[in-house]
PDB file of all heavy atoms in Angstrom:
ATOM      1  N   ALA A   1      10.761 -18.511  -2.781  1.00  0.00           N
ATOM      2  CA  ALA A   1      10.720 -17.123  -2.323  1.00  0.00           C
ATOM      3  C   ALA A   1      10.225 -16.186  -3.419  1.00  0.00           C
ATOM      4  O   ALA A   1       9.492 -15.229  -3.147  1.00  0.00           O
ATOM      5  CB  ALA A   1      12.107 -16.698  -1.840  1.00  0.00           C
ATOM      6  N   ARG A   2      10.590 -16.450  -4.666  1.00  0.00           N
ATOM      7  CA  ARG A   2      10.119 -15.586  -5.758  1.00  0.00           C
ATOM      8  C   ARG A   2       8.614 -15.736  -5.947  1.00  0.00           C
ATOM      9  O   ARG A   2       7.927 -14.747  -6.212  1.00  0.00           O
ATOM     10  CB  ARG A   2      10.868 -15.925  -7.046  1.00  0.00           C
ATOM     11  CG  ARG A   2      10.470 -15.042  -8.226  1.00  0.00           C
ATOM     12  CD  ARG A   2      11.303 -15.340  -9.441  1.00  0.00           C
ATOM     13  NE  ARG A   2      12.618 -14.728  -9.352  1.00  0.00           N
ATOM     14  CZ  ARG A   2      13.716 -15.223  -9.925  1.00  0.00           C
ATOM     15  NH1 ARG A   2      13.659 -16.377 -10.558  1.00  0.00           N
ATOM     16  NH2 ARG A   2      14.865 -14.583  -9.827  1.00  0.00           N
ATOM     17  N   ASN A   3       8.102 -16.959  -5.809  1.00  0.00           N
ATOM     18  CA  ASN A   3       6.648 -17.131  -5.867  1.00  0.00           C
ATOM     19  C   ASN A   3       5.967 -16.283  -4.792  1.00  0.00           C
ATOM     20  O   ASN A   3       4.939 -15.645  -5.039  1.00  0.00           O
ATOM     21  CB  ASN A   3       6.281 -18.607  -5.655  1.00  0.00           C
ATOM     22  CG  ASN A   3       6.348 -19.417  -6.927  1.00  0.00           C
ATOM     23  OD1 ASN A   3       6.683 -18.891  -7.984  1.00  0.00           O
ATOM     24  ND2 ASN A   3       6.053 -20.693  -6.833  1.00  0.00           N
ATOM     25  N   ALA A   4       6.546 -16.306  -3.583  1.00  0.00           N
ATOM     26  CA  ALA A   4       5.977 -15.515  -2.492  1.00  0.00           C
ATOM     27  C   ALA A   4       6.034 -14.026  -2.810  1.00  0.00           C
ATOM     28  O   ALA A   4       5.062 -13.290  -2.587  1.00  0.00           O
ATOM     29  CB  ALA A   4       6.729 -15.812  -1.192  1.00  0.00           C
ATOM     30  N   ALA A   5       7.163 -13.565  -3.341  1.00  0.00           N
ATOM     31  CA  ALA A   5       7.312 -12.149  -3.671  1.00  0.00           C
ATOM     32  C   ALA A   5       6.314 -11.732  -4.743  1.00  0.00           C
ATOM     33  O   ALA A   5       5.712 -10.653  -4.672  1.00  0.00           O
ATOM     34  CB  ALA A   5       8.743 -11.876  -4.128  1.00  0.00           C
ATOM     35  N   GLN A   6       6.129 -12.569  -5.743  1.00  0.00           N
ATOM     36  CA  GLN A   6       5.175 -12.241  -6.803  1.00  0.00           C
ATOM     37  C   GLN A   6       3.748 -12.207  -6.269  1.00  0.00           C
ATOM     38  O   GLN A   6       2.942 -11.364  -6.680  1.00  0.00           O
ATOM     39  CB  GLN A   6       5.304 -13.256  -7.941  1.00  0.00           C
ATOM     40  CG  GLN A   6       6.607 -13.114  -8.720  1.00  0.00           C
ATOM     41  CD  GLN A   6       6.858 -14.273  -9.673  1.00  0.00           C
ATOM     42  OE1 GLN A   6       6.247 -15.334  -9.567  1.00  0.00           O
ATOM     43  NE2 GLN A   6       7.763 -14.065 -10.612  1.00  0.00           N
ATOM     44  N   ALA A   7       3.429 -13.111  -5.327  1.00  0.00           N
ATOM     45  CA  ALA A   7       2.092 -13.092  -4.724  1.00  0.00           C
ATOM     46  C   ALA A   7       1.885 -11.812  -3.920  1.00  0.00           C
ATOM     47  O   ALA A   7       0.803 -11.216  -3.952  1.00  0.00           O
ATOM     48  CB  ALA A   7       1.899 -14.313  -3.834  1.00  0.00           C
ATOM     49  N   ILE A   8       2.927 -11.373  -3.215  1.00  0.00           N
ATOM     50  CA  ILE A   8       2.832 -10.147  -2.423  1.00  0.00           C
ATOM     51  C   ILE A   8       2.632  -8.931  -3.330  1.00  0.00           C
ATOM     52  O   ILE A   8       1.815  -8.049  -3.045  1.00  0.00           O
ATOM     53  CB  ILE A   8       4.080  -9.974  -1.542  1.00  0.00           C
ATOM     54  CG1 ILE A   8       4.076 -11.012  -0.415  1.00  0.00           C
ATOM     55  CG2 ILE A   8       4.166  -8.565  -0.974  1.00  0.00           C
ATOM     56  CD1 ILE A   8       5.358 -11.056   0.383  1.00  0.00           C
ATOM     57  N   THR A   9       3.339  -8.881  -4.461  1.00  0.00           N
ATOM     58  CA  THR A   9       3.220  -7.731  -5.357  1.00  0.00           C
ATOM     59  C   THR A   9       1.842  -7.663  -6.002  1.00  0.00           C
ATOM     60  O   THR A   9       1.367  -6.579  -6.355  1.00  0.00           O
ATOM     61  CB  THR A   9       4.282  -7.785  -6.473  1.00  0.00           C
ATOM     62  OG1 THR A   9       4.111  -8.978  -7.250  1.00  0.00           O
ATOM     63  CG2 THR A   9       5.681  -7.758  -5.889  1.00  0.00           C
ATOM     64  N   ARG A  10       1.188  -8.823  -6.153  1.00  0.00           N
ATOM     65  CA  ARG A  10      -0.162  -8.830  -6.746  1.00  0.00           C
ATOM     66  C   ARG A  10      -1.228  -8.479  -5.726  1.00  0.00           C
ATOM     67  O   ARG A  10      -2.375  -8.231  -6.092  1.00  0.00           O
ATOM     68  CB  ARG A  10      -0.480 -10.209  -7.343  1.00  0.00           C
ATOM     69  CG  ARG A  10       0.403 -10.606  -8.496  1.00  0.00           C
ATOM     70  CD  ARG A  10      -0.180 -11.794  -9.250  1.00  0.00           C
ATOM     71  NE  ARG A  10      -0.484 -12.904  -8.381  1.00  0.00           N
ATOM     72  CZ  ARG A  10       0.379 -13.865  -8.052  1.00  0.00           C
ATOM     73  NH1 ARG A  10       1.616 -13.810  -8.515  1.00  0.00           N
ATOM     74  NH2 ARG A  10       0.015 -14.864  -7.263  1.00  0.00           N
ATOM     75  N   GLN A  11      -0.879  -8.503  -4.445  1.00  0.00           N
ATOM     76  CA  GLN A  11      -1.871  -8.272  -3.398  1.00  0.00           C
ATOM     77  C   GLN A  11      -2.280  -6.803  -3.379  1.00  0.00           C
ATOM     78  O   GLN A  11      -1.451  -5.906  -3.336  1.00  0.00           O
ATOM     79  CB  GLN A  11      -1.309  -8.667  -2.031  1.00  0.00           C
ATOM     80  CG  GLN A  11      -2.343  -8.690  -0.929  1.00  0.00           C
ATOM     81  CD  GLN A  11      -1.744  -9.209   0.370  1.00  0.00           C
ATOM     82  OE1 GLN A  11      -0.537  -9.339   0.487  1.00  0.00           O
ATOM     83  NE2 GLN A  11      -2.586  -9.500   1.334  1.00  0.00           N
ATOM     84  N   THR A  12      -3.567  -6.568  -3.380  1.00  0.00           N
ATOM     85  CA  THR A  12      -4.083  -5.208  -3.400  1.00  0.00           C
ATOM     86  C   THR A  12      -3.616  -4.437  -2.176  1.00  0.00           C
ATOM     87  O   THR A  12      -3.701  -4.913  -1.054  1.00  0.00           O
ATOM     88  CB  THR A  12      -5.623  -5.221  -3.427  1.00  0.00           C
ATOM     89  OG1 THR A  12      -6.042  -5.979  -4.553  1.00  0.00           O
ATOM     90  CG2 THR A  12      -6.182  -3.815  -3.500  1.00  0.00           C
ATOM     91  N   GLY A  13      -3.111  -3.233  -2.417  1.00  0.00           N
ATOM     92  CA  GLY A  13      -2.732  -2.370  -1.304  1.00  0.00           C
ATOM     93  C   GLY A  13      -1.302  -2.528  -0.846  1.00  0.00           C
ATOM     94  O   GLY A  13      -0.840  -1.758  -0.022  1.00  0.00           O
ATOM     95  N   ARG A  14      -0.560  -3.520  -1.371  1.00  0.00           N
ATOM     96  CA  ARG A  14       0.836  -3.655  -0.955  1.00  0.00           C
ATOM     97  C   ARG A  14       1.698  -2.725  -1.809  1.00  0.00           C
ATOM     98  O   ARG A  14       1.353  -2.352  -2.927  1.00  0.00           O
ATOM     99  CB  ARG A  14       1.315  -5.098  -1.118  1.00  0.00           C
ATOM    100  CG  ARG A  14       0.556  -6.101  -0.306  1.00  0.00           C
ATOM    101  CD  ARG A  14       0.416  -5.692   1.149  1.00  0.00           C
ATOM    102  NE  ARG A  14       1.628  -5.905   1.894  1.00  0.00           N
ATOM    103  CZ  ARG A  14       1.870  -6.995   2.626  1.00  0.00           C
ATOM    104  NH1 ARG A  14       0.989  -7.972   2.683  1.00  0.00           N
ATOM    105  NH2 ARG A  14       2.982  -7.111   3.305  1.00  0.00           N
ATOM    106  N   GLY A  15       2.816  -2.402  -1.325  1.00  0.00           N
ATOM    107  CA  GLY A  15       3.705  -1.496  -2.044  1.00  0.00           C
ATOM    108  C   GLY A  15       3.677  -0.138  -1.382  1.00  0.00           C
ATOM    109  O   GLY A  15       4.402   0.105  -0.411  1.00  0.00           O
ATOM    110  N   PRO A  16       2.833   0.787  -1.864  1.00  0.00           N
ATOM    111  CA  PRO A  16       2.810   2.122  -1.253  1.00  0.00           C
ATOM    112  C   PRO A  16       2.465   2.098   0.233  1.00  0.00           C
ATOM    113  O   PRO A  16       2.933   2.933   0.998  1.00  0.00           O
ATOM    114  CB  PRO A  16       1.728   2.834  -2.065  1.00  0.00           C
ATOM    115  CG  PRO A  16       1.673   2.113  -3.366  1.00  0.00           C
ATOM    116  CD  PRO A  16       1.968   0.686  -3.037  1.00  0.00           C
ATOM    117  N   SER A  17       1.621   1.148   0.650  1.00  0.00           N
ATOM    118  CA  SER A  17       1.210   1.117   2.051  1.00  0.00           C
ATOM    119  C   SER A  17       2.235   0.447   2.952  1.00  0.00           C
ATOM    120  O   SER A  17       2.084   0.421   4.162  1.00  0.00           O
ATOM    121  CB  SER A  17      -0.129   0.375   2.182  1.00  0.00           C
ATOM    122  OG  SER A  17       0.020  -0.976   1.792  1.00  0.00           O
ATOM    123  N   GLY A  18       3.276  -0.094   2.363  1.00  0.00           N
ATOM    124  CA  GLY A  18       4.299  -0.745   3.170  1.00  0.00           C
ATOM    125  C   GLY A  18       4.748  -2.031   2.506  1.00  0.00           C
ATOM    126  O   GLY A  18       3.985  -2.670   1.788  1.00  0.00           O
ATOM    127  N   PRO A  19       6.009  -2.416   2.729  1.00  0.00           N
ATOM    128  CA  PRO A  19       6.520  -3.611   2.063  1.00  0.00           C
ATOM    129  C   PRO A  19       5.937  -4.892   2.627  1.00  0.00           C
ATOM    130  O   PRO A  19       5.606  -4.978   3.810  1.00  0.00           O
ATOM    131  CB  PRO A  19       8.030  -3.535   2.322  1.00  0.00           C
ATOM    132  CG  PRO A  19       8.145  -2.757   3.598  1.00  0.00           C
ATOM    133  CD  PRO A  19       7.011  -1.775   3.579  1.00  0.00           C
ATOM    134  N   GLY A  20       5.805  -5.876   1.761  1.00  0.00           N
ATOM    135  CA  GLY A  20       5.500  -7.207   2.235  1.00  0.00           C
ATOM    136  C   GLY A  20       6.742  -7.798   2.884  1.00  0.00           C
ATOM    137  O   GLY A  20       7.845  -7.240   2.780  1.00  0.00           O
ATOM    138  N   GLN A  21       6.574  -8.927   3.542  1.00  0.00           N
ATOM    139  CA  GLN A  21       7.697  -9.488   4.298  1.00  0.00           C
ATOM    140  C   GLN A  21       7.861 -10.973   4.017  1.00  0.00           C
ATOM    141  O   GLN A  21       6.892 -11.722   4.032  1.00  0.00           O
ATOM    142  CB  GLN A  21       7.484  -9.274   5.798  1.00  0.00           C
ATOM    143  CG  GLN A  21       8.659  -9.748   6.642  1.00  0.00           C
ATOM    144  CD  GLN A  21       8.539  -9.259   8.071  1.00  0.00           C
ATOM    145  OE1 GLN A  21       8.864  -8.128   8.391  1.00  0.00           O
ATOM    146  NE2 GLN A  21       8.051 -10.128   8.938  1.00  0.00           N
ATOM    147  N   ILE A  22       9.093 -11.372   3.751  1.00  0.00           N
ATOM    148  CA  ILE A  22       9.470 -12.786   3.628  1.00  0.00           C
ATOM    149  C   ILE A  22      10.533 -13.056   4.689  1.00  0.00           C
ATOM    150  O   ILE A  22      11.471 -12.272   4.856  1.00  0.00           O
ATOM    151  CB  ILE A  22      10.002 -13.107   2.225  1.00  0.00           C
ATOM    152  CG1 ILE A  22       8.884 -12.974   1.186  1.00  0.00           C
ATOM    153  CG2 ILE A  22      10.600 -14.518   2.176  1.00  0.00           C
ATOM    154  CD1 ILE A  22       9.343 -13.196  -0.235  1.00  0.00           C
ATOM    155  N   THR A  23      10.371 -14.148   5.403  1.00  0.00           N
ATOM    156  CA  THR A  23      11.334 -14.529   6.439  1.00  0.00           C
ATOM    157  C   THR A  23      12.017 -15.828   6.035  1.00  0.00           C
ATOM    158  O   THR A  23      11.348 -16.808   5.677  1.00  0.00           O
ATOM    159  CB  THR A  23      10.647 -14.712   7.804  1.00  0.00           C
ATOM    160  OG1 THR A  23      10.005 -13.496   8.179  1.00  0.00           O
ATOM    161  CG2 THR A  23      11.643 -15.107   8.872  1.00  0.00           C
ATOM    162  N   LEU A  24      13.339 -15.825   6.077  1.00  0.00           N
ATOM    163  CA  LEU A  24      14.141 -17.028   5.849  1.00  0.00           C
ATOM    164  C   LEU A  24      14.645 -17.499   7.206  1.00  0.00           C
ATOM    165  O   LEU A  24      15.437 -16.799   7.851  1.00  0.00           O
ATOM    166  CB  LEU A  24      15.306 -16.724   4.907  1.00  0.00           C
ATOM    167  CG  LEU A  24      14.939 -16.108   3.550  1.00  0.00           C
ATOM    168  CD1 LEU A  24      16.198 -15.758   2.767  1.00  0.00           C
ATOM    169  CD2 LEU A  24      14.053 -17.054   2.742  1.00  0.00           C
ATOM    170  N   ARG A  25      14.190 -18.663   7.638  1.00  0.00           N
ATOM    171  CA  ARG A  25      14.506 -19.152   8.986  1.00  0.00           C
ATOM    172  C   ARG A  25      15.176 -20.514   8.891  1.00  0.00           C
ATOM    173  O   ARG A  25      14.733 -21.385   8.128  1.00  0.00           O
ATOM    174  CB  ARG A  25      13.231 -19.257   9.815  1.00  0.00           C
ATOM    175  CG  ARG A  25      13.431 -19.835  11.213  1.00  0.00           C
ATOM    176  CD  ARG A  25      12.097 -19.991  11.924  1.00  0.00           C
ATOM    177  NE  ARG A  25      11.442 -18.690  12.110  1.00  0.00           N
ATOM    178  CZ  ARG A  25      10.146 -18.559  12.351  1.00  0.00           C
ATOM    179  NH1 ARG A  25       9.358 -19.614  12.420  1.00  0.00           N
ATOM    180  NH2 ARG A  25       9.639 -17.354  12.520  1.00  0.00           N
ATOM    181  N   THR A  26      16.220 -20.742   9.659  1.00  0.00           N
ATOM    182  CA  THR A  26      16.887 -22.044   9.709  1.00  0.00           C
ATOM    183  C   THR A  26      16.898 -22.551  11.141  1.00  0.00           C
ATOM    184  O   THR A  26      17.091 -21.791  12.083  1.00  0.00           O
ATOM    185  CB  THR A  26      18.339 -21.962   9.195  1.00  0.00           C
ATOM    186  OG1 THR A  26      19.087 -21.048   9.999  1.00  0.00           O
ATOM    187  CG2 THR A  26      18.376 -21.505   7.744  1.00  0.00           C
ATOM    188  N   ARG A  27      16.696 -23.840  11.264  1.00  0.00           N
ATOM    189  CA  ARG A  27      16.708 -24.493  12.566  1.00  0.00           C
ATOM    190  C   ARG A  27      17.262 -25.915  12.408  1.00  0.00           C
ATOM    191  O   ARG A  27      17.253 -26.491  11.313  1.00  0.00           O
ATOM    192  CB  ARG A  27      15.299 -24.572  13.165  1.00  0.00           C
ATOM    193  CG  ARG A  27      14.679 -23.232  13.548  1.00  0.00           C
ATOM    194  CD  ARG A  27      15.398 -22.617  14.735  1.00  0.00           C
ATOM    195  NE  ARG A  27      14.750 -21.390  15.182  1.00  0.00           N
ATOM    196  CZ  ARG A  27      15.048 -20.173  14.734  1.00  0.00           C
ATOM    197  NH1 ARG A  27      15.969 -20.020  13.802  1.00  0.00           N
ATOM    198  NH2 ARG A  27      14.420 -19.117  15.215  1.00  0.00           N
ATOM    199  N   ALA A  28      17.702 -26.492  13.518  1.00  0.00           N
ATOM    200  CA  ALA A  28      18.087 -27.903  13.551  1.00  0.00           C
ATOM    201  C   ALA A  28      16.888 -28.722  14.001  1.00  0.00           C
ATOM    202  O   ALA A  28      16.124 -28.301  14.874  1.00  0.00           O
ATOM    203  CB  ALA A  28      19.256 -28.112  14.495  1.00  0.00           C
ATOM    204  N   ALA A  29      16.705 -29.871  13.386  1.00  0.00           N
ATOM    205  CA  ALA A  29      15.659 -30.812  13.798  1.00  0.00           C
ATOM    206  C   ALA A  29      16.333 -32.135  14.124  1.00  0.00           C
ATOM    207  O   ALA A  29      17.166 -32.624  13.343  1.00  0.00           O
ATOM    208  CB  ALA A  29      14.625 -30.999  12.689  1.00  0.00           C
ATOM    209  N   ARG A  30      15.986 -32.708  15.264  1.00  0.00           N
ATOM    210  CA  ARG A  30      16.656 -33.921  15.720  1.00  0.00           C
ATOM    211  C   ARG A  30      15.721 -35.117  15.640  1.00  0.00           C
ATOM    212  O   ARG A  30      14.509 -34.984  15.809  1.00  0.00           O
ATOM    213  CB  ARG A  30      17.179 -33.737  17.147  1.00  0.00           C
ATOM    214  CG  ARG A  30      18.362 -32.784  17.204  1.00  0.00           C
ATOM    215  CD  ARG A  30      18.810 -32.447  18.605  1.00  0.00           C
ATOM    216  NE  ARG A  30      20.059 -31.676  18.590  1.00  0.00           N
ATOM    217  CZ  ARG A  30      20.125 -30.382  18.294  1.00  0.00           C
ATOM    218  NH1 ARG A  30      19.025 -29.715  18.012  1.00  0.00           N
ATOM    219  NH2 ARG A  30      21.291 -29.769  18.286  1.00  0.00           N
ATOM    220  N   GLN A  31      16.320 -36.279  15.359  1.00  0.00           N
ATOM    221  CA  GLN A  31      15.588 -37.546  15.268  1.00  0.00           C
ATOM    222  C   GLN A  31      14.411 -37.408  14.305  1.00  0.00           C
ATOM    223  O   GLN A  31      13.242 -37.560  14.646  1.00  0.00           O
ATOM    224  CB  GLN A  31      15.114 -37.982  16.655  1.00  0.00           C
ATOM    225  CG  GLN A  31      16.219 -38.166  17.678  1.00  0.00           C
ATOM    226  CD  GLN A  31      17.275 -39.171  17.230  1.00  0.00           C
ATOM    227  OE1 GLN A  31      16.975 -40.169  16.568  1.00  0.00           O
ATOM    228  NE2 GLN A  31      18.527 -38.916  17.590  1.00  0.00           N
ATOM    229  N   VAL A  32      14.752 -37.122  13.040  1.00  0.00           N
ATOM    230  CA  VAL A  32      13.758 -36.890  11.991  1.00  0.00           C
ATOM    231  C   VAL A  32      13.748 -38.076  11.040  1.00  0.00           C
ATOM    232  O   VAL A  32      14.800 -38.607  10.669  1.00  0.00           O
ATOM    233  CB  VAL A  32      14.079 -35.590  11.220  1.00  0.00           C
ATOM    234  CG1 VAL A  32      13.126 -35.406  10.050  1.00  0.00           C
ATOM    235  CG2 VAL A  32      14.010 -34.396  12.157  1.00  0.00           C
ATOM    236  N   THR A  33      12.555 -38.494  10.625  1.00  0.00           N
ATOM    237  CA  THR A  33      12.404 -39.551   9.630  1.00  0.00           C
ATOM    238  C   THR A  33      12.096 -38.928   8.279  1.00  0.00           C
ATOM    239  O   THR A  33      11.100 -38.224   8.125  1.00  0.00           O
ATOM    240  CB  THR A  33      11.281 -40.534  10.014  1.00  0.00           C
ATOM    241  OG1 THR A  33      11.599 -41.121  11.289  1.00  0.00           O
ATOM    242  CG2 THR A  33      11.139 -41.645   8.981  1.00  0.00           C
ATOM    243  N   LEU A  34      12.971 -39.180   7.305  1.00  0.00           N
ATOM    244  CA  LEU A  34      12.776 -38.691   5.946  1.00  0.00           C
ATOM    245  C   LEU A  34      12.829 -39.872   5.002  1.00  0.00           C
ATOM    246  O   LEU A  34      13.849 -40.563   4.921  1.00  0.00           O
ATOM    247  CB  LEU A  34      13.865 -37.674   5.577  1.00  0.00           C
ATOM    248  CG  LEU A  34      13.972 -36.425   6.466  1.00  0.00           C
ATOM    249  CD1 LEU A  34      15.196 -35.613   6.080  1.00  0.00           C
ATOM    250  CD2 LEU A  34      12.715 -35.582   6.358  1.00  0.00           C
ATOM    251  N   PHE A  35      11.720 -40.123   4.317  1.00  0.00           N
ATOM    252  CA  PHE A  35      11.645 -41.254   3.390  1.00  0.00           C
ATOM    253  C   PHE A  35      12.070 -42.568   4.051  1.00  0.00           C
ATOM    254  O   PHE A  35      12.924 -43.301   3.561  1.00  0.00           O
ATOM    255  CB  PHE A  35      12.500 -40.993   2.143  1.00  0.00           C
ATOM    256  CG  PHE A  35      11.957 -39.895   1.277  1.00  0.00           C
ATOM    257  CD1 PHE A  35      12.657 -38.714   1.109  1.00  0.00           C
ATOM    258  CD2 PHE A  35      10.735 -40.021   0.652  1.00  0.00           C
ATOM    259  CE1 PHE A  35      12.160 -37.691   0.333  1.00  0.00           C
ATOM    260  CE2 PHE A  35      10.233 -39.003  -0.130  1.00  0.00           C
ATOM    261  CZ  PHE A  35      10.937 -37.838  -0.293  1.00  0.00           C
ATOM    262  N   LYS A  36      11.461 -42.810   5.223  1.00  0.00           N
ATOM    263  CA  LYS A  36      11.623 -44.053   5.967  1.00  0.00           C
ATOM    264  C   LYS A  36      13.024 -44.238   6.543  1.00  0.00           C
ATOM    265  O   LYS A  36      13.341 -45.306   7.056  1.00  0.00           O
ATOM    266  CB  LYS A  36      11.268 -45.265   5.101  1.00  0.00           C
ATOM    267  CG  LYS A  36       9.814 -45.306   4.671  1.00  0.00           C
ATOM    268  CD  LYS A  36       9.500 -46.585   3.908  1.00  0.00           C
ATOM    269  CE  LYS A  36       8.026 -46.658   3.537  1.00  0.00           C
ATOM    270  NZ  LYS A  36       7.698 -47.889   2.822  1.00  0.00           N
ATOM    271  N   ARG A  37      13.862 -43.217   6.474  1.00  0.00           N
ATOM    272  CA  ARG A  37      15.191 -43.296   7.088  1.00  0.00           C
ATOM    273  C   ARG A  37      15.245 -42.340   8.269  1.00  0.00           C
ATOM    274  O   ARG A  37      14.851 -41.178   8.161  1.00  0.00           O
ATOM    275  CB  ARG A  37      16.291 -42.938   6.086  1.00  0.00           C
ATOM    276  CG  ARG A  37      16.501 -43.975   5.005  1.00  0.00           C
ATOM    277  CD  ARG A  37      17.740 -43.668   4.196  1.00  0.00           C
ATOM    278  NE  ARG A  37      18.938 -43.622   5.036  1.00  0.00           N
ATOM    279  CZ  ARG A  37      20.133 -43.219   4.595  1.00  0.00           C
ATOM    280  NH1 ARG A  37      20.285 -42.836   3.329  1.00  0.00           N
ATOM    281  NH2 ARG A  37      21.169 -43.202   5.419  1.00  0.00           N
ATOM    282  N   ARG A  38      15.741 -42.843   9.383  1.00  0.00           N
ATOM    283  CA  ARG A  38      15.846 -42.035  10.591  1.00  0.00           C
ATOM    284  C   ARG A  38      17.170 -41.288  10.580  1.00  0.00           C
ATOM    285  O   ARG A  38      18.224 -41.889  10.362  1.00  0.00           O
ATOM    286  CB  ARG A  38      15.768 -42.944  11.825  1.00  0.00           C
ATOM    287  CG  ARG A  38      15.598 -42.195  13.139  1.00  0.00           C
ATOM    288  CD  ARG A  38      14.215 -41.636  13.263  1.00  0.00           C
ATOM    289  NE  ARG A  38      13.958 -41.110  14.600  1.00  0.00           N
ATOM    290  CZ  ARG A  38      12.871 -40.439  14.923  1.00  0.00           C
ATOM    291  NH1 ARG A  38      11.936 -40.216  14.017  1.00  0.00           N
ATOM    292  NH2 ARG A  38      12.686 -40.001  16.147  1.00  0.00           N
ATOM    293  N   HIS A  39      17.103 -39.986  10.783  1.00  0.00           N
ATOM    294  CA  HIS A  39      18.315 -39.162  10.794  1.00  0.00           C
ATOM    295  C   HIS A  39      18.472 -38.521  12.176  1.00  0.00           C
ATOM    296  O   HIS A  39      17.525 -37.954  12.714  1.00  0.00           O
ATOM    297  CB  HIS A  39      18.228 -38.075   9.720  1.00  0.00           C
ATOM    298  CG  HIS A  39      18.174 -38.621   8.319  1.00  0.00           C
ATOM    299  ND1 HIS A  39      19.300 -38.947   7.598  1.00  0.00           N
ATOM    300  CD2 HIS A  39      17.115 -38.914   7.524  1.00  0.00           C
ATOM    301  CE1 HIS A  39      18.943 -39.403   6.408  1.00  0.00           C
ATOM    302  NE2 HIS A  39      17.621 -39.390   6.339  1.00  0.00           N
ATOM    303  N   ARG A  40      19.656 -38.631  12.685  1.00  0.00           N
ATOM    304  CA  ARG A  40      19.934 -38.059  13.993  1.00  0.00           C
ATOM    305  C   ARG A  40      19.777 -36.544  13.973  1.00  0.00           C
ATOM    306  O   ARG A  40      19.319 -35.939  14.944  1.00  0.00           O
ATOM    307  CB  ARG A  40      21.355 -38.442  14.415  1.00  0.00           C
ATOM    308  CG  ARG A  40      21.778 -37.936  15.788  1.00  0.00           C
ATOM    309  CD  ARG A  40      23.197 -38.373  16.097  1.00  0.00           C
ATOM    310  NE  ARG A  40      24.128 -37.935  15.082  1.00  0.00           N
ATOM    311  CZ  ARG A  40      24.673 -36.713  15.046  1.00  0.00           C
ATOM    312  NH1 ARG A  40      24.364 -35.824  15.985  1.00  0.00           N
ATOM    313  NH2 ARG A  40      25.511 -36.384  14.090  1.00  0.00           N
ATOM    314  N   LEU A  41      20.154 -35.933  12.853  1.00  0.00           N
ATOM    315  CA  LEU A  41      20.098 -34.482  12.749  1.00  0.00           C
ATOM    316  C   LEU A  41      19.683 -34.099  11.339  1.00  0.00           C
ATOM    317  O   LEU A  41      20.121 -34.700  10.351  1.00  0.00           O
ATOM    318  CB  LEU A  41      21.478 -33.880  13.057  1.00  0.00           C
ATOM    319  CG  LEU A  41      21.557 -32.350  13.157  1.00  0.00           C
ATOM    320  CD1 LEU A  41      20.739 -31.850  14.343  1.00  0.00           C
ATOM    321  CD2 LEU A  41      23.013 -31.915  13.289  1.00  0.00           C
ATOM    322  N   ALA A  42      18.812 -33.108  11.231  1.00  0.00           N
ATOM    323  CA  ALA A  42      18.359 -32.614   9.932  1.00  0.00           C
ATOM    324  C   ALA A  42      18.316 -31.093   9.963  1.00  0.00           C
ATOM    325  O   ALA A  42      18.209 -30.467  11.022  1.00  0.00           O
ATOM    326  CB  ALA A  42      16.986 -33.182   9.578  1.00  0.00           C
TER     327      ALA A  42
END
């Protein structure tokens, strides 16, 4: 998130013209394979 914020602050025209936006989103994922292991819920 800090990398994203720093990229937004370097973007021309951001700041006075309006804030940049970062969204933190969480969701459940079902029947996911991570590193060759199947997980019922992730």
